[in-house]
Amino acid sequence: MPSAGKVVIGTVQGDLHDIGKNLVGIMLKGAGFEVIDLGNNVPPEKFV
């Protein structure tokens, strides 16, 4: 699919909340971005 850009998102390590992060992912996808959602409790090394 054509993409406006690629974005990696996630809730940082130690936090299991993800409603806000999920909504950001939905809105970014709706704007044409390719979103890689790592979920919650994501360690720094996994982001990088």
All heavy atoms as atom14 arrays in JSON, in Angstrom:
{
  "sequence": "MPSAGKVVIGTVQGDLHDIGKNLVGIMLKGAGFEVIDLGNNVPPEKFV",
  "atom14_mask": [
    [1, 1, 1, 1, 1, 1, 1, 1, 0, 0, 0, 0, 0, 0],
    [1, 1, 1, 1, 1, 1, 1, 0, 0, 0, 0, 0, 0, 0],
    [1, 1, 1, 1, 1, 1, 0, 0, 0, 0, 0, 0, 0, 0],
    [1, 1, 1, 1, 1, 0, 0, 0, 0, 0, 0, 0, 0, 0],
    [1, 1, 1, 1, 0, 0, 0, 0, 0, 0, 0, 0, 0, 0],
    [1, 1, 1, 1, 1, 1, 1, 1, 1, 0, 0, 0, 0, 0],
    [1, 1, 1, 1, 1, 1, 1, 0, 0, 0, 0, 0, 0, 0],
    [1, 1, 1, 1, 1, 1, 1, 0, 0, 0, 0, 0, 0, 0],
    [1, 1, 1, 1, 1, 1, 1, 1, 0, 0, 0, 0, 0, 0],
    [1, 1, 1, 1, 0, 0, 0, 0, 0, 0, 0, 0, 0, 0],
    [1, 1, 1, 1, 1, 1, 1, 0, 0, 0, 0, 0, 0, 0],
    [1, 1, 1, 1, 1, 1, 1, 0, 0, 0, 0, 0, 0, 0],
    [1, 1, 1, 1, 1, 1, 1, 1, 1, 0, 0, 0, 0, 0],
    [1, 1, 1, 1, 0, 0, 0, 0, 0, 0, 0, 0, 0, 0],
    [1, 1, 1, 1, 1, 1, 1, 1, 0, 0, 0, 0, 0, 0],
    [1, 1, 1, 1, 1, 1, 1, 1, 0, 0, 0, 0, 0, 0],
    [1, 1, 1, 1, 1, 1, 1, 1, 1, 1, 0, 0, 0, 0],
    [1, 1, 1, 1, 1, 1, 1, 1, 0, 0, 0, 0, 0, 0],
    [1, 1, 1, 1, 1, 1, 1, 1, 0, 0, 0, 0, 0, 0],
    [1, 1, 1, 1, 0, 0, 0, 0, 0, 0, 0, 0, 0, 0],
    [1, 1, 1, 1, 1, 1, 1, 1, 1, 0, 0, 0, 0, 0],
    [1, 1, 1, 1, 1, 1, 1, 1, 0, 0, 0, 0, 0, 0],
    [1, 1, 1, 1, 1, 1, 1, 1, 0, 0, 0, 0, 0, 0],
    [1, 1, 1, 1, 1, 1, 1, 0, 0, 0, 0, 0, 0, 0],
    [1, 1, 1, 1, 0, 0, 0, 0, 0, 0, 0, 0, 0, 0],
    [1, 1, 1, 1, 1, 1, 1, 1, 0, 0, 0, 0, 0, 0],
    [1, 1, 1, 1, 1, 1, 1, 1, 0, 0, 0, 0, 0, 0],
    [1, 1, 1, 1, 1, 1, 1, 1, 0, 0, 0, 0, 0, 0],
    [1, 1, 1, 1, 1, 1, 1, 1, 1, 0, 0, 0, 0, 0],
    [1, 1, 1, 1, 0, 0, 0, 0, 0, 0, 0, 0, 0, 0],
    [1, 1, 1, 1, 1, 0, 0, 0, 0, 0, 0, 0, 0, 0],
    [1, 1, 1, 1, 0, 0, 0, 0, 0, 0, 0, 0, 0, 0],
    [1, 1, 1, 1, 1, 1, 1, 1, 1, 1, 1, 0, 0, 0],
    [1, 1, 1, 1, 1, 1, 1, 1, 1, 0, 0, 0, 0, 0],
    [1, 1, 1, 1, 1, 1, 1, 0, 0, 0, 0, 0, 0, 0],
    [1, 1, 1, 1, 1, 1, 1, 1, 0, 0, 0, 0, 0, 0],
    [1, 1, 1, 1, 1, 1, 1, 1, 0, 0, 0, 0, 0, 0],
    [1, 1, 1, 1, 1, 1, 1, 1, 0, 0, 0, 0, 0, 0],
    [1, 1, 1, 1, 0, 0, 0, 0, 0, 0, 0, 0, 0, 0],
    [1, 1, 1, 1, 1, 1, 1, 1, 0, 0, 0, 0, 0, 0],
    [1, 1, 1, 1, 1, 1, 1, 1, 0, 0, 0, 0, 0, 0],
    [1, 1, 1, 1, 1, 1, 1, 0, 0, 0, 0, 0, 0, 0],
    [1, 1, 1, 1, 1, 1, 1, 0, 0, 0, 0, 0, 0, 0],
    [1, 1, 1, 1, 1, 1, 1, 0, 0, 0, 0, 0, 0, 0],
    [1, 1, 1, 1, 1, 1, 1, 1, 1, 0, 0, 0, 0, 0],
    [1, 1, 1, 1, 1, 1, 1, 1, 1, 0, 0, 0, 0, 0],
    [1, 1, 1, 1, 1, 1, 1, 1, 1, 1, 1, 0, 0, 0],
    [1, 1, 1, 1, 1, 1, 1, 0, 0, 0, 0, 0, 0, 0]
  ],
  "atom14_positions": [
    [[0.85, -1.18, 0.0], [0.0, 0.0, 0.0], [0.88, 1.23, 0.0], [1.94, 1.25, 0.62], [-0.87, 0.02, 1.26], [-1.81, -1.15, 1.39], [-3.18, -1.09, 0.22], [-4.16, 0.19, 0.97], [0.0, 0.0, 0.0], [0.0, 0.0, 0.0], [0.0, 0.0, 0.0], [0.0, 0.0, 0.0], [0.0, 0.0, 0.0], [0.0, 0.0, 0.0]],
    [[0.46, 2.3, -0.7], [1.22, 3.55, -0.6], [1.24, 4.01, 0.85], [0.24, 3.87, 1.56], [0.44, 4.51, -1.48], [-0.77, 3.82, -1.95], [-0.72, 2.4, -1.55], [0.0, 0.0, 0.0], [0.0, 0.0, 0.0], [0.0, 0.0, 0.0], [0.0, 0.0, 0.0], [0.0, 0.0, 0.0], [0.0, 0.0, 0.0], [0.0, 0.0, 0.0]],
    [[2.34, 4.55, 1.3], [2.47, 4.92, 2.7], [2.98, 6.34, 2.86], [3.86, 6.77, 2.11], [3.43, 3.95, 3.4], [3.73, 4.38, 4.71], [0.0, 0.0, 0.0], [0.0, 0.0, 0.0], [0.0, 0.0, 0.0], [0.0, 0.0, 0.0], [0.0, 0.0, 0.0], [0.0, 0.0, 0.0], [0.0, 0.0, 0.0], [0.0, 0.0, 0.0]],
    [[2.41, 7.05, 3.83], [2.87, 8.4, 4.12], [4.14, 8.36, 4.95], [4.79, 9.38, 5.16], [1.77, 9.16, 4.88], [0.0, 0.0, 0.0], [0.0, 0.0, 0.0], [0.0, 0.0, 0.0], [0.0, 0.0, 0.0], [0.0, 0.0, 0.0], [0.0, 0.0, 0.0], [0.0, 0.0, 0.0], [0.0, 0.0, 0.0], [0.0, 0.0, 0.0]],
    [[4.52, 7.17, 5.41], [5.7, 7.01, 6.24], [5.5, 5.84, 7.19], [4.38, 5.35, 7.35], [0.0, 0.0, 0.0], [0.0, 0.0, 0.0], [0.0, 0.0, 0.0], [0.0, 0.0, 0.0], [0.0, 0.0, 0.0], [0.0, 0.0, 0.0], [0.0, 0.0, 0.0], [0.0, 0.0, 0.0], [0.0, 0.0, 0.0], [0.0, 0.0, 0.0]],
    [[6.58, 5.38, 7.79], [6.5, 4.23, 8.68], [6.76, 4.68, 10.12], [7.75, 5.35, 10.4], [7.52, 3.16, 8.26], [7.34, 1.83, 8.96], [8.33, 0.79, 8.46], [8.0, 0.29, 7.07], [8.85, -0.88, 6.7], [0.0, 0.0, 0.0], [0.0, 0.0, 0.0], [0.0, 0.0, 0.0], [0.0, 0.0, 0.0], [0.0, 0.0, 0.0]],
    [[5.86, 4.28, 11.01], [5.93, 4.71, 12.41], [5.89, 3.49, 13.33], [5.02, 2.63, 13.2], [4.74, 5.64, 12.77], [4.89, 6.18, 14.19], [4.62, 6.78, 11.76], [0.0, 0.0, 0.0], [0.0, 0.0, 0.0], [0.0, 0.0, 0.0], [0.0, 0.0, 0.0], [0.0, 0.0, 0.0], [0.0, 0.0, 0.0], [0.0, 0.0, 0.0]],
    [[6.83, 3.42, 14.27], [6.84, 2.39, 15.3], [6.28, 3.0, 16.58], [6.75, 4.06, 17.02], [8.26, 1.86, 15.55], [8.28, 0.91, 16.77], [8.79, 1.14, 14.33], [0.0, 0.0, 0.0], [0.0, 0.0, 0.0], [0.0, 0.0, 0.0], [0.0, 0.0, 0.0], [0.0, 0.0, 0.0], [0.0, 0.0, 0.0], [0.0, 0.0, 0.0]],
    [[5.26, 2.37, 17.18], [4.67, 2.9, 18.41], [4.62, 1.82, 19.48], [4.62, 0.62, 19.18], [3.27, 3.48, 18.18], [2.28, 2.37, 17.73], [3.29, 4.61, 17.18], [0.82, 2.85, 17.7], [0.0, 0.0, 0.0], [0.0, 0.0, 0.0], [0.0, 0.0, 0.0], [0.0, 0.0, 0.0], [0.0, 0.0, 0.0], [0.0, 0.0, 0.0]],
    [[4.54, 2.25, 20.73], [4.4, 1.32, 21.84], [4.31, 2.04, 23.16], [4.69, 3.21, 23.28], [0.0, 0.0, 0.0], [0.0, 0.0, 0.0], [0.0, 0.0, 0.0], [0.0, 0.0, 0.0], [0.0, 0.0, 0.0], [0.0, 0.0, 0.0], [0.0, 0.0, 0.0], [0.0, 0.0, 0.0], [0.0, 0.0, 0.0], [0.0, 0.0, 0.0]],
    [[3.76, 1.36, 24.16], [3.75, 1.85, 25.53], [5.02, 1.33, 26.21], [5.35, 0.15, 26.08], [2.51, 1.36, 26.3], [1.33, 1.74, 25.58], [2.46, 1.94, 27.69], [0.0, 0.0, 0.0], [0.0, 0.0, 0.0], [0.0, 0.0, 0.0], [0.0, 0.0, 0.0], [0.0, 0.0, 0.0], [0.0, 0.0, 0.0], [0.0, 0.0, 0.0]],
    [[5.71, 2.21, 26.92], [7.04, 1.86, 27.43], [7.01, 0.79, 28.51], [5.97, 0.53, 29.13], [7.77, 3.11, 27.96], [8.0, 4.13, 26.84], [7.02, 3.73, 29.13], [0.0, 0.0, 0.0], [0.0, 0.0, 0.0], [0.0, 0.0, 0.0], [0.0, 0.0, 0.0], [0.0, 0.0, 0.0], [0.0, 0.0, 0.0], [0.0, 0.0, 0.0]],
    [[8.17, 0.21, 28.73], [8.33, -0.88, 29.7], [7.85, -0.46, 31.09], [8.14, 0.63, 31.56], [9.81, -1.28, 29.76], [10.08, -2.52, 30.59], [11.52, -2.98, 30.42], [12.43, -2.18, 30.29], [11.72, -4.28, 30.42], [0.0, 0.0, 0.0], [0.0, 0.0, 0.0], [0.0, 0.0, 0.0], [0.0, 0.0, 0.0], [0.0, 0.0, 0.0]],
    [[7.07, -1.35, 31.71], [6.55, -1.08, 33.05], [5.12, -0.56, 33.05], [4.5, -0.43, 34.1], [0.0, 0.0, 0.0], [0.0, 0.0, 0.0], [0.0, 0.0, 0.0], [0.0, 0.0, 0.0], [0.0, 0.0, 0.0], [0.0, 0.0, 0.0], [0.0, 0.0, 0.0], [0.0, 0.0, 0.0], [0.0, 0.0, 0.0], [0.0, 0.0, 0.0]],
    [[4.59, -0.24, 31.86], [3.23, 0.31, 31.75], [2.41, -0.58, 30.83], [2.81, -0.85, 29.7], [3.3, 1.72, 31.19], [1.98, 2.48, 31.33], [0.93, 1.81, 31.48], [2.0, 3.72, 31.3], [0.0, 0.0, 0.0], [0.0, 0.0, 0.0], [0.0, 0.0, 0.0], [0.0, 0.0, 0.0], [0.0, 0.0, 0.0], [0.0, 0.0, 0.0]],
    [[1.26, -1.03, 31.31], [0.39, -1.92, 30.54], [-0.79, -1.2, 29.9], [-1.61, -1.82, 29.25], [-0.13, -3.05, 31.45], [0.92, -3.93, 32.11], [0.25, -4.98, 32.99], [1.8, -4.61, 31.06], [0.0, 0.0, 0.0], [0.0, 0.0, 0.0], [0.0, 0.0, 0.0], [0.0, 0.0, 0.0], [0.0, 0.0, 0.0], [0.0, 0.0, 0.0]],
    [[-0.86, 0.13, 30.07], [-1.96, 0.89, 29.49], [-1.75, 1.07, 27.99], [-0.65, 1.38, 27.55], [-2.06, 2.28, 30.15], [-2.36, 2.22, 31.61], [-1.37, 2.19, 32.57], [-3.54, 2.18, 32.28], [-1.93, 2.14, 33.77], [-3.24, 2.13, 33.61], [0.0, 0.0, 0.0], [0.0, 0.0, 0.0], [0.0, 0.0, 0.0], [0.0, 0.0, 0.0]],
    [[-2.81, 0.88, 27.22], [-2.6, 1.03, 25.77], [-3.8, 1.6, 25.0], [-3.77, 1.65, 23.77], [-2.19, -0.31, 25.14], [-3.25, -1.39, 25.32], [-4.35, -1.09, 25.82], [-2.97, -2.55, 24.93], [0.0, 0.0, 0.0], [0.0, 0.0, 0.0], [0.0, 0.0, 0.0], [0.0, 0.0, 0.0], [0.0, 0.0, 0.0], [0.0, 0.0, 0.0]],
    [[-4.83, 2.07, 25.7], [-6.0, 2.61, 24.98], [-5.61, 3.84, 24.15], [-5.93, 3.94, 22.97], [-7.14, 2.95, 25.96], [-7.7, 1.67, 26.6], [-8.26, 3.7, 25.24], [-8.75, 1.91, 27.65], [0.0, 0.0, 0.0], [0.0, 0.0, 0.0], [0.0, 0.0, 0.0], [0.0, 0.0, 0.0], [0.0, 0.0, 0.0], [0.0, 0.0, 0.0]],
    [[-4.9, 4.78, 24.79], [-4.47, 5.99, 24.07], [-3.54, 5.66, 22.93], [-3.67, 6.2, 21.81], [0.0, 0.0, 0.0], [0.0, 0.0, 0.0], [0.0, 0.0, 0.0], [0.0, 0.0, 0.0], [0.0, 0.0, 0.0], [0.0, 0.0, 0.0], [0.0, 0.0, 0.0], [0.0, 0.0, 0.0], [0.0, 0.0, 0.0], [0.0, 0.0, 0.0]],
    [[-2.61, 4.76, 23.2], [-1.65, 4.35, 22.16], [-2.37, 3.68, 20.99], [-2.04, 3.92, 19.82], [-0.61, 3.42, 22.78], [0.5, 2.92, 21.85], [0.15, 1.58, 21.23], [-0.03, 0.49, 22.27], [-0.56, -0.75, 21.66], [0.0, 0.0, 0.0], [0.0, 0.0, 0.0], [0.0, 0.0, 0.0], [0.0, 0.0, 0.0], [0.0, 0.0, 0.0]],
    [[-3.35, 2.85, 21.29], [-4.12, 2.18, 20.24], [-4.87, 3.18, 19.37], [-4.94, 3.02, 18.14], [-5.13, 1.19, 20.85], [-4.45, 0.0, 21.5], [-3.28, -0.25, 21.28], [-5.2, -0.74, 22.3], [0.0, 0.0, 0.0], [0.0, 0.0, 0.0], [0.0, 0.0, 0.0], [0.0, 0.0, 0.0], [0.0, 0.0, 0.0], [0.0, 0.0, 0.0]],
    [[-5.42, 4.21, 19.99], [-6.14, 5.23, 19.24], [-5.19, 6.02, 18.33], [-5.54, 6.34, 17.19], [-6.87, 6.17, 20.2], [-7.78, 7.23, 19.56], [-8.78, 6.58, 18.62], [-8.5, 8.02, 20.64], [0.0, 0.0, 0.0], [0.0, 0.0, 0.0], [0.0, 0.0, 0.0], [0.0, 0.0, 0.0], [0.0, 0.0, 0.0], [0.0, 0.0, 0.0]],
    [[-4.01, 6.3, 18.82], [-2.99, 6.97, 17.99], [-2.69, 6.11, 16.77], [-2.6, 6.61, 15.64], [-1.7, 7.24, 18.8], [-0.55, 7.64, 17.87], [-1.94, 8.33, 19.83], [0.0, 0.0, 0.0], [0.0, 0.0, 0.0], [0.0, 0.0, 0.0], [0.0, 0.0, 0.0], [0.0, 0.0, 0.0], [0.0, 0.0, 0.0], [0.0, 0.0, 0.0]],
    [[-2.55, 4.79, 16.98], [-2.29, 3.88, 15.87], [-3.4, 3.91, 14.84], [-3.14, 3.95, 13.63], [0.0, 0.0, 0.0], [0.0, 0.0, 0.0], [0.0, 0.0, 0.0], [0.0, 0.0, 0.0], [0.0, 0.0, 0.0], [0.0, 0.0, 0.0], [0.0, 0.0, 0.0], [0.0, 0.0, 0.0], [0.0, 0.0, 0.0], [0.0, 0.0, 0.0]],
    [[-4.65, 3.91, 15.3], [-5.81, 3.96, 14.4], [-5.8, 5.24, 13.58], [-5.99, 5.22, 12.36], [-7.12, 3.86, 15.2], [-7.32, 2.44, 15.74], [-8.33, 4.27, 14.35], [-8.45, 2.31, 16.73], [0.0, 0.0, 0.0], [0.0, 0.0, 0.0], [0.0, 0.0, 0.0], [0.0, 0.0, 0.0], [0.0, 0.0, 0.0], [0.0, 0.0, 0.0]],
    [[-5.56, 6.36, 14.24], [-5.57, 7.65, 13.56], [-4.42, 7.76, 12.55], [-4.59, 8.32, 11.47], [-5.49, 8.79, 14.58], [-6.66, 8.82, 15.55], [-8.22, 9.23, 14.78], [-8.09, 11.0, 14.7], [0.0, 0.0, 0.0], [0.0, 0.0, 0.0], [0.0, 0.0, 0.0], [0.0, 0.0, 0.0], [0.0, 0.0, 0.0], [0.0, 0.0, 0.0]],
    [[-3.25, 7.23, 12.92], [-2.11, 7.27, 12.0], [-2.38, 6.41, 10.76], [-2.09, 6.81, 9.63], [-0.84, 6.81, 12.7], [-0.2, 7.8, 13.67], [0.92, 7.12, 14.46], [0.34, 9.02, 12.95], [0.0, 0.0, 0.0], [0.0, 0.0, 0.0], [0.0, 0.0, 0.0], [0.0, 0.0, 0.0], [0.0, 0.0, 0.0], [0.0, 0.0, 0.0]],
    [[-2.95, 5.23, 10.98], [-3.31, 4.36, 9.84], [-4.33, 5.05, 8.96], [-4.25, 4.99, 7.73], [-3.85, 3.02, 10.34], [-2.8, 2.1, 10.94], [-3.43, 0.81, 11.44], [-2.4, -0.09, 12.09], [-3.01, -1.33, 12.64], [0.0, 0.0, 0.0], [0.0, 0.0, 0.0], [0.0, 0.0, 0.0], [0.0, 0.0, 0.0], [0.0, 0.0, 0.0]],
    [[-5.28, 5.72, 9.59], [-6.3, 6.43, 8.84], [-5.73, 7.57, 8.01], [-6.3, 7.95, 6.99], [0.0, 0.0, 0.0], [0.0, 0.0, 0.0], [0.0, 0.0, 0.0], [0.0, 0.0, 0.0], [0.0, 0.0, 0.0], [0.0, 0.0, 0.0], [0.0, 0.0, 0.0], [0.0, 0.0, 0.0], [0.0, 0.0, 0.0], [0.0, 0.0, 0.0]],
    [[-4.59, 8.11, 8.45], [-3.94, 9.2, 7.71], [-2.96, 8.67, 6.66], [-2.27, 9.46, 6.01], [-3.22, 10.12, 8.69], [0.0, 0.0, 0.0], [0.0, 0.0, 0.0], [0.0, 0.0, 0.0], [0.0, 0.0, 0.0], [0.0, 0.0, 0.0], [0.0, 0.0, 0.0], [0.0, 0.0, 0.0], [0.0, 0.0, 0.0], [0.0, 0.0, 0.0]],
    [[-2.89, 7.34, 6.52], [-2.06, 6.76, 5.47], [-0.69, 6.29, 5.9], [0.14, 5.91, 5.07], [0.0, 0.0, 0.0], [0.0, 0.0, 0.0], [0.0, 0.0, 0.0], [0.0, 0.0, 0.0], [0.0, 0.0, 0.0], [0.0, 0.0, 0.0], [0.0, 0.0, 0.0], [0.0, 0.0, 0.0], [0.0, 0.0, 0.0], [0.0, 0.0, 0.0]],
    [[-0.42, 6.29, 7.19], [0.88, 5.83, 7.68], [0.89, 4.32, 7.89], [-0.14, 3.73, 8.22], [1.24, 6.52, 9.01], [1.58, 7.98, 8.86], [0.6, 8.96, 9.01], [2.86, 8.37, 8.56], [0.89, 10.3, 8.86], [3.17, 9.72, 8.4], [2.19, 10.68, 8.55], [0.0, 0.0, 0.0], [0.0, 0.0, 0.0], [0.0, 0.0, 0.0]],
    [[2.05, 3.73, 7.7], [2.24, 2.33, 8.05], [2.66, 2.27, 9.51], [3.66, 2.88, 9.89], [3.31, 1.7, 7.16], [3.52, 0.22, 7.4], [4.55, -0.39, 6.48], [5.0, 0.29, 5.54], [4.92, -1.56, 6.73], [0.0, 0.0, 0.0], [0.0, 0.0, 0.0], [0.0, 0.0, 0.0], [0.0, 0.0, 0.0], [0.0, 0.0, 0.0]],
    [[1.9, 1.57, 10.32], [2.13, 1.56, 11.77], [2.56, 0.18, 12.24], [1.89, -0.81, 11.97], [0.86, 2.0, 12.53], [1.09, 1.95, 14.03], [0.44, 3.4, 12.1], [0.0, 0.0, 0.0], [0.0, 0.0, 0.0], [0.0, 0.0, 0.0], [0.0, 0.0, 0.0], [0.0, 0.0, 0.0], [0.0, 0.0, 0.0], [0.0, 0.0, 0.0]],
    [[3.69, 0.13, 12.94], [4.14, -1.1, 13.59], [3.9, -0.9, 15.09], [4.6, -0.12, 15.75], [5.62, -1.4, 13.32], [5.86, -1.66, 11.82], [6.08, -2.62, 14.11], [6.31, -0.45, 11.07], [0.0, 0.0, 0.0], [0.0, 0.0, 0.0], [0.0, 0.0, 0.0], [0.0, 0.0, 0.0], [0.0, 0.0, 0.0], [0.0, 0.0, 0.0]],
    [[2.89, -1.58, 15.62], [2.49, -1.41, 17.02], [3.12, -2.52, 17.85], [2.79, -3.7, 17.7], [0.97, -1.45, 17.12], [0.46, -1.1, 18.51], [1.26, -1.11, 19.47], [-0.75, -0.82, 18.63], [0.0, 0.0, 0.0], [0.0, 0.0, 0.0], [0.0, 0.0, 0.0], [0.0, 0.0, 0.0], [0.0, 0.0, 0.0], [0.0, 0.0, 0.0]],
    [[4.0, -2.13, 18.77], [4.72, -3.1, 19.61], [3.93, -3.47, 20.86], [4.39, -4.31, 21.64], [6.08, -2.54, 20.0], [7.03, -2.22, 18.84], [8.35, -1.65, 19.37], [7.28, -3.45, 17.99], [0.0, 0.0, 0.0], [0.0, 0.0, 0.0], [0.0, 0.0, 0.0], [0.0, 0.0, 0.0], [0.0, 0.0, 0.0], [0.0, 0.0, 0.0]],
    [[2.76, -2.85, 21.06], [1.96, -3.18, 22.24], [2.39, -2.39, 23.45], [2.84, -1.24, 23.36], [0.0, 0.0, 0.0], [0.0, 0.0, 0.0], [0.0, 0.0, 0.0], [0.0, 0.0, 0.0], [0.0, 0.0, 0.0], [0.0, 0.0, 0.0], [0.0, 0.0, 0.0], [0.0, 0.0, 0.0], [0.0, 0.0, 0.0], [0.0, 0.0, 0.0]],
    [[2.26, -3.03, 24.63], [2.63, -2.34, 25.86], [3.82, -3.04, 26.53], [4.29, -4.08, 26.08], [1.44, -2.25, 26.82], [0.83, -3.62, 27.1], [1.53, -4.63, 27.19], [-0.49, -3.67, 27.25], [0.0, 0.0, 0.0], [0.0, 0.0, 0.0], [0.0, 0.0, 0.0], [0.0, 0.0, 0.0], [0.0, 0.0, 0.0], [0.0, 0.0, 0.0]],
    [[4.33, -2.4, 27.6], [5.46, -2.96, 28.35], [6.66, -3.23, 27.44], [7.3, -4.28, 27.52], [5.02, -4.24, 29.07], [5.99, -4.68, 30.15], [6.68, -3.85, 30.74], [6.07, -5.97, 30.41], [0.0, 0.0, 0.0], [0.0, 0.0, 0.0], [0.0, 0.0, 0.0], [0.0, 0.0, 0.0], [0.0, 0.0, 0.0], [0.0, 0.0, 0.0]],
    [[6.95, -2.27, 26.56], [8.0, -2.45, 25.55], [9.35, -1.95, 26.08], [9.48, -0.78, 26.42], [7.66, -1.7, 24.25], [8.72, -1.94, 23.19], [6.28, -2.1, 23.74], [0.0, 0.0, 0.0], [0.0, 0.0, 0.0], [0.0, 0.0, 0.0], [0.0, 0.0, 0.0], [0.0, 0.0, 0.0], [0.0, 0.0, 0.0], [0.0, 0.0, 0.0]],
    [[10.37, -2.81, 26.15], [11.7, -2.38, 26.6], [12.39, -1.48, 25.57], [12.1, -1.58, 24.37], [12.46, -3.69, 26.78], [11.74, -4.68, 25.93], [10.31, -4.25, 25.86], [0.0, 0.0, 0.0], [0.0, 0.0, 0.0], [0.0, 0.0, 0.0], [0.0, 0.0, 0.0], [0.0, 0.0, 0.0], [0.0, 0.0, 0.0], [0.0, 0.0, 0.0]],
    [[13.29, -0.62, 26.01], [13.98, 0.3, 25.09], [14.63, -0.41, 23.91], [14.56, 0.07, 22.77], [15.03, 0.97, 25.99], [14.44, 0.91, 27.36], [13.69, -0.39, 27.41], [0.0, 0.0, 0.0], [0.0, 0.0, 0.0], [0.0, 0.0, 0.0], [0.0, 0.0, 0.0], [0.0, 0.0, 0.0], [0.0, 0.0, 0.0], [0.0, 0.0, 0.0]],
    [[15.26, -1.54, 24.18], [15.97, -2.26, 23.12], [15.04, -2.69, 21.99], [15.41, -2.71, 20.82], [16.69, -3.49, 23.69], [17.8, -3.17, 24.68], [17.27, -2.82, 26.07], [16.06, -3.03, 26.32], [18.07, -2.32, 26.89], [0.0, 0.0, 0.0], [0.0, 0.0, 0.0], [0.0, 0.0, 0.0], [0.0, 0.0, 0.0], [0.0, 0.0, 0.0]],
    [[13.8, -3.03, 22.35], [12.85, -3.49, 21.33], [12.42, -2.34, 20.43], [12.26, -2.51, 19.21], [11.62, -4.14, 21.98], [10.68, -4.8, 20.97], [9.62, -5.63, 21.66], [8.74, -6.34, 20.62], [7.7, -7.19, 21.27], [0.0, 0.0, 0.0], [0.0, 0.0, 0.0], [0.0, 0.0, 0.0], [0.0, 0.0, 0.0], [0.0, 0.0, 0.0]],
    [[12.23, -1.15, 21.02], [11.91, 0.03, 20.2], [13.01, 0.24, 19.16], [12.73, 0.38, 17.96], [11.83, 1.28, 21.08], [10.5, 1.49, 21.74], [10.37, 1.35, 23.12], [9.38, 1.87, 21.0], [9.15, 1.57, 23.75], [8.15, 2.08, 21.62], [8.04, 1.93, 23.0], [0.0, 0.0, 0.0], [0.0, 0.0, 0.0], [0.0, 0.0, 0.0]],
    [[14.25, 0.26, 19.61], [15.37, 0.58, 18.72], [15.6, -0.53, 17.7], [15.83, -0.28, 16.52], [16.65, 0.86, 19.54], [17.82, 1.13, 18.62], [16.43, 2.04, 20.48], [0.0, 0.0, 0.0], [0.0, 0.0, 0.0], [0.0, 0.0, 0.0], [0.0, 0.0, 0.0], [0.0, 0.0, 0.0], [0.0, 0.0, 0.0], [0.0, 0.0, 0.0]]
  ]
}
